[in-house]
Protein backbone atom coordinates (compact mmCIF):
# COMPACT_ATOMS: atom_id res chain seq x y z
CA MET A 1 0.00 0.07 -0.01
CA SER A 2 1.48 3.46 -1.02
CA LYS A 3 2.24 6.08 1.49
CA GLY A 4 -0.56 8.33 0.10
CA LEU A 5 -3.18 5.62 0.30
CA ARG A 6 -2.07 4.89 3.93
CA ILE A 7 -2.75 8.59 4.79
CA VAL A 8 -6.20 8.42 3.16
CA LEU A 9 -7.17 5.30 5.01
CA SER A 10 -5.75 6.28 8.54
CA ALA A 11 -7.86 6.20 11.46
CA ALA A 12 -7.84 9.86 11.69
CA SER A 13 -9.28 10.29 7.97
CA LEU A 14 -12.13 7.89 8.79
CA ALA A 15 -12.93 9.22 12.31
CA GLY A 16 -15.59 11.42 10.93
CA VAL A 17 -17.17 8.83 8.81
CA LEU A 18 -18.50 6.46 11.59
CA LEU A 19 -21.90 7.71 12.43
CA ALA A 20 -23.83 7.19 15.54
CA GLN A 21 -27.48 6.70 15.84
CA ALA A 22 -29.03 8.80 18.65
CA GLY A 23 -31.70 7.55 21.09
CA CYS A 24 -33.40 4.26 21.02
CA GLN A 25 -36.62 2.88 19.65
CA GLN A 26 -39.67 4.09 21.58
CA SER A 27 -42.36 1.93 22.69
CA GLY A 28 -45.09 4.27 21.64
CA ARG A 29 -47.01 3.69 24.90
CA PRO A 30 -48.46 6.67 26.88
CA PHE A 31 -47.43 7.03 30.61
CA PRO A 32 -49.35 4.58 32.76
CA LYS A 33 -52.27 5.90 34.86
CA ALA A 34 -53.45 4.65 38.23
CA GLY A 35 -55.30 1.25 37.79
CA ASP A 36 -53.73 0.49 34.38
CA GLU A 37 -52.74 -3.03 33.64
CA PRO A 38 -48.94 -3.70 34.14
CA PRO A 39 -47.06 -3.47 30.69
CA PRO A 40 -46.47 -6.58 28.83
CA PRO A 41 -43.06 -8.54 29.26
CA VAL A 42 -41.78 -7.15 25.80
CA ALA A 43 -42.53 -3.52 26.63
CA GLN A 44 -40.73 -4.09 29.80
CA GLN A 45 -37.95 -5.55 28.02
CA ILE A 46 -37.86 -2.58 25.47
CA ASP A 47 -37.93 0.01 28.40
CA LYS A 48 -35.16 -1.61 30.13
CA ALA A 49 -32.96 -1.80 27.06
CA SER A 50 -33.56 1.70 26.16
CA ARG A 51 -32.51 2.70 29.54
CA LEU A 52 -29.30 0.80 29.13
CA SER A 53 -28.56 2.08 25.74
CA ARG A 54 -28.98 5.70 27.06
CA GLU A 55 -26.68 4.96 29.87
CA ALA A 56 -24.17 3.71 27.27
CA GLN A 57 -24.44 6.95 25.20
CA ARG A 58 -23.70 8.94 28.42
CA LEU A 59 -20.67 6.75 29.25
CA GLU A 60 -19.49 7.06 25.65
CA VAL A 61 -19.76 11.04 25.72
CA ALA A 62 -17.78 10.89 29.00
CA GLY A 63 -14.99 8.79 27.28
CA ASP A 64 -15.61 5.66 28.94
CA ASP A 65 -15.77 3.43 26.11
CA LYS A 66 -15.19 -0.04 27.78
CA GLN A 67 -18.19 0.56 30.26
CA ALA A 68 -20.14 1.86 27.21
CA ILE A 69 -19.54 -1.44 25.29
CA GLU A 70 -20.73 -3.42 28.47
CA LYS A 71 -23.94 -1.19 28.58
CA TYR A 72 -24.69 -1.57 24.82
CA ARG A 73 -24.25 -5.40 25.19
CA ALA A 74 -26.49 -5.37 28.22
CA ALA A 75 -29.07 -3.59 26.23
CA ILE A 76 -29.27 -5.74 23.27
CA THR A 77 -29.10 -8.78 25.57
CA GLU A 78 -32.30 -7.49 27.28
CA TYR A 79 -33.80 -6.81 23.86
CA ASN A 80 -32.08 -7.46 20.67
CA GLU A 81 -34.00 -5.31 18.23
CA LEU A 82 -32.61 -1.83 18.97
CA PRO A 83 -30.72 -0.83 15.83
CA ALA A 84 -29.03 2.22 17.44
CA ALA A 85 -27.46 0.11 20.13
CA TRP A 86 -26.10 -2.40 17.69
CA ASN A 87 -24.70 0.49 15.56
CA ASN A 88 -23.05 2.19 18.32
CA LEU A 89 -21.55 -1.03 19.73
CA GLY A 90 -20.27 -1.60 16.14
CA ARG A 91 -18.40 1.86 16.29
CA LEU A 92 -16.90 1.23 19.72
CA LEU A 93 -15.75 -2.34 18.59
CA MET A 94 -14.15 -1.07 15.53
CA ALA A 95 -12.14 1.58 17.40
CA ARG A 96 -10.86 -1.23 19.57
CA GLY A 97 -9.80 -3.10 16.42
CA ASP A 98 -12.40 -5.83 17.01
CA ASN A 99 -13.26 -5.67 13.43
CA LEU A 100 -15.27 -9.07 12.99
CA ALA A 101 -17.75 -8.20 15.87
CA ALA A 102 -18.11 -4.63 14.77
CA ALA A 103 -19.03 -5.81 11.14
CA GLU A 104 -21.65 -8.18 12.50
CA ALA A 105 -23.05 -5.32 14.89
CA PHE A 106 -23.24 -2.88 11.75
CA LYS A 107 -25.08 -5.58 9.73
CA THR A 108 -27.52 -6.42 12.42
CA ALA A 109 -28.20 -2.58 12.87
CA SER A 110 -28.77 -2.34 9.00
CA GLU A 111 -31.22 -5.32 9.07
CA LEU A 112 -33.19 -3.79 11.96
CA SER A 113 -33.30 -0.50 10.25
CA PRO A 114 -33.76 -1.22 6.53
CA THR A 115 -34.09 2.42 5.44
CA ASP A 116 -31.00 4.05 7.46
CA PRO A 117 -27.77 4.64 5.54
CA ARG A 118 -25.64 4.93 8.71
CA PRO A 119 -24.85 1.42 9.49
CA LEU A 120 -24.06 0.56 6.07
CA THR A 121 -21.83 3.81 5.81
CA ASN A 122 -19.94 2.50 8.94
CA LEU A 123 -19.44 -1.02 7.12
CA GLY A 124 -17.81 0.86 4.31
CA ALA A 125 -15.52 2.83 6.75
CA LEU A 126 -14.63 -0.44 8.35
CA TRP A 127 -13.40 -2.05 5.25
CA GLU A 128 -11.92 1.16 3.89
CA SER A 129 -9.88 1.27 7.12
CA LEU A 130 -8.64 -2.23 6.34
CA GLY A 131 -7.63 -1.32 2.80
CA TYR A 132 -10.30 -3.45 1.11
CA LEU A 133 -11.67 -0.68 -1.18
CA ASP A 134 -13.94 -3.00 -3.37
CA ASP A 135 -15.78 -4.02 -0.22
CA ALA A 136 -15.88 -0.42 0.98
CA SER A 137 -17.35 0.71 -2.42
CA LYS A 138 -19.99 -1.96 -2.24
CA TRP A 139 -21.20 -0.83 1.31
CA TYR A 140 -21.08 2.81 0.47
CA ASP A 141 -23.02 2.16 -2.66
CA GLN A 142 -25.70 0.30 -0.71
CA ALA A 143 -25.85 3.32 1.79
CA LEU A 144 -26.53 5.72 -0.95
CA GLN A 145 -29.16 3.47 -2.49
CA ARG A 146 -31.00 3.96 0.89
CA ASN A 147 -30.35 7.83 0.78
CA GLU A 148 -28.71 9.33 -2.33
CA ASN A 149 -28.04 12.40 -0.38
CA HIS A 150 -26.33 11.00 2.42
CA GLN A 151 -23.15 13.08 2.53
CA PRO A 152 -20.78 10.91 4.60
CA ALA A 153 -21.52 7.80 2.15
CA LEU A 154 -21.24 10.11 -0.93
CA ARG A 155 -18.02 11.60 -0.03
CA ARG A 156 -16.35 8.15 0.88
CA PHE A 157 -17.85 6.50 -2.05
CA LEU A 158 -16.23 9.01 -4.70
CA LEU A 159 -12.97 8.92 -2.84
CA VAL A 160 -12.82 5.04 -2.95
CA GLN A 161 -13.78 5.35 -6.55
CA GLU A 162 -10.92 7.62 -7.28
CA LEU A 163 -8.30 5.37 -5.45
CA ARG A 164 -9.57 2.31 -7.09
CA GLY A 165 -9.40 3.85 -10.55
CA LYS A 166 -12.68 2.14 -11.24
CA PRO A 167 -15.35 4.64 -11.79
CA ASP A 168 -18.82 3.14 -12.65
CA ASP A 169 -21.96 4.27 -14.35
CA SER A 170 -23.25 5.90 -11.11
CA THR A 171 -19.89 8.06 -10.55
CA PRO A 172 -20.69 10.95 -12.87
CA GLY A 173 -24.11 11.71 -11.56
CA ARG A 174 -22.95 11.26 -8.03
CA LEU A 175 -19.94 13.55 -8.40
CA LYS A 176 -22.16 16.21 -9.84
CA LYS A 177 -24.52 15.83 -6.77
CA ALA A 178 -21.51 15.93 -4.46
CA LEU A 179 -20.36 19.21 -5.92
CA LEU A 180 -23.64 20.74 -5.65
CA MET A 181 -24.20 19.62 -2.13
CA GLU A 182 -20.63 20.26 -0.79
CA GLN A 183 -19.38 23.31 1.23
CA ASP A 184 -16.11 22.00 2.59
CA PRO A 185 -13.35 23.54 0.44
CA TRP A 186 -11.10 20.38 0.77
CA TRP A 187 -13.63 18.23 -0.53
CA ILE A 188 -14.79 20.65 -3.31
CA ASN A 189 -11.12 20.61 -4.44
CA ARG A 190 -10.89 16.78 -4.29
CA PHE A 191 -14.09 16.35 -6.38
CA LYS A 192 -12.97 18.91 -8.95
CA ARG A 193 -9.67 16.96 -9.50
CA PHE A 194 -11.53 13.76 -9.66
CA HIS A 195 -13.97 15.10 -12.34
CA GLN A 196 -11.02 16.55 -14.42
CA ARG A 197 -9.19 13.27 -14.25
CA SER A 198 -12.39 11.29 -15.13
CA GLU A 199 -12.88 13.55 -18.38
CA GLU A 200 -9.40 12.96 -19.29
CA ILE A 201 -9.71 9.19 -18.95
CA ALA A 202 -12.85 9.17 -21.10
CA ILE A 203 -11.33 11.31 -23.96
CA PRO A 204 -9.38 8.34 -25.59
CA SER A 205 -12.36 5.98 -25.72
CA SER A 206 -14.63 8.72 -27.23
CA ALA A 207 -12.04 9.75 -29.77
CA GLY A 208 -11.70 6.15 -30.87
CA SER A 209 -15.28 5.73 -31.41
CA GLY A 210 -15.63 8.02 -34.37
CA THR A 211 -16.41 7.10 -37.79
CA SER A 212 -14.28 7.32 -41.06
């Protein structure tokens, strides 16, 4: 792997990609009133799991990742269908280098929340950090299929496409969208250079397709 690629794939460059999910699923039940029947067991599990997940978030903010991981695991042990808990657990596991467990956590979060692009973006960031750019591109692409305007996935997808040197049919449209959305000067300049190189690469094929 070249020095330039190692810089792009460094932990620092990917730190902003990993996306948290705030809060937990709500049970949707009103506050109990006097004389109400006790909540069913599943609702009790959801409430307890939600409390544990909120505690994990507070520990994470305080910088106690070890205890946060334990709380997230306790939350999903209590009720294993909280996508936010799975996704946030995956981020912390990835930061510790427990990549296999992190990937499983992101995949579970993605399955539980099938319209949310964040767990798939995090999967892309995981594989990108390991240098597997083809896999990273696949997950970023799937995240964008869920939400074509999801900027973290859009940025990393295009950067990975540039590094791979394998733009596909979706690249020009996504590059145009990224330039329209972008406000960060670093990314704007990067996308403009990628656009220029893409046009230069396309010139030979178009020149050779003329008729005599």
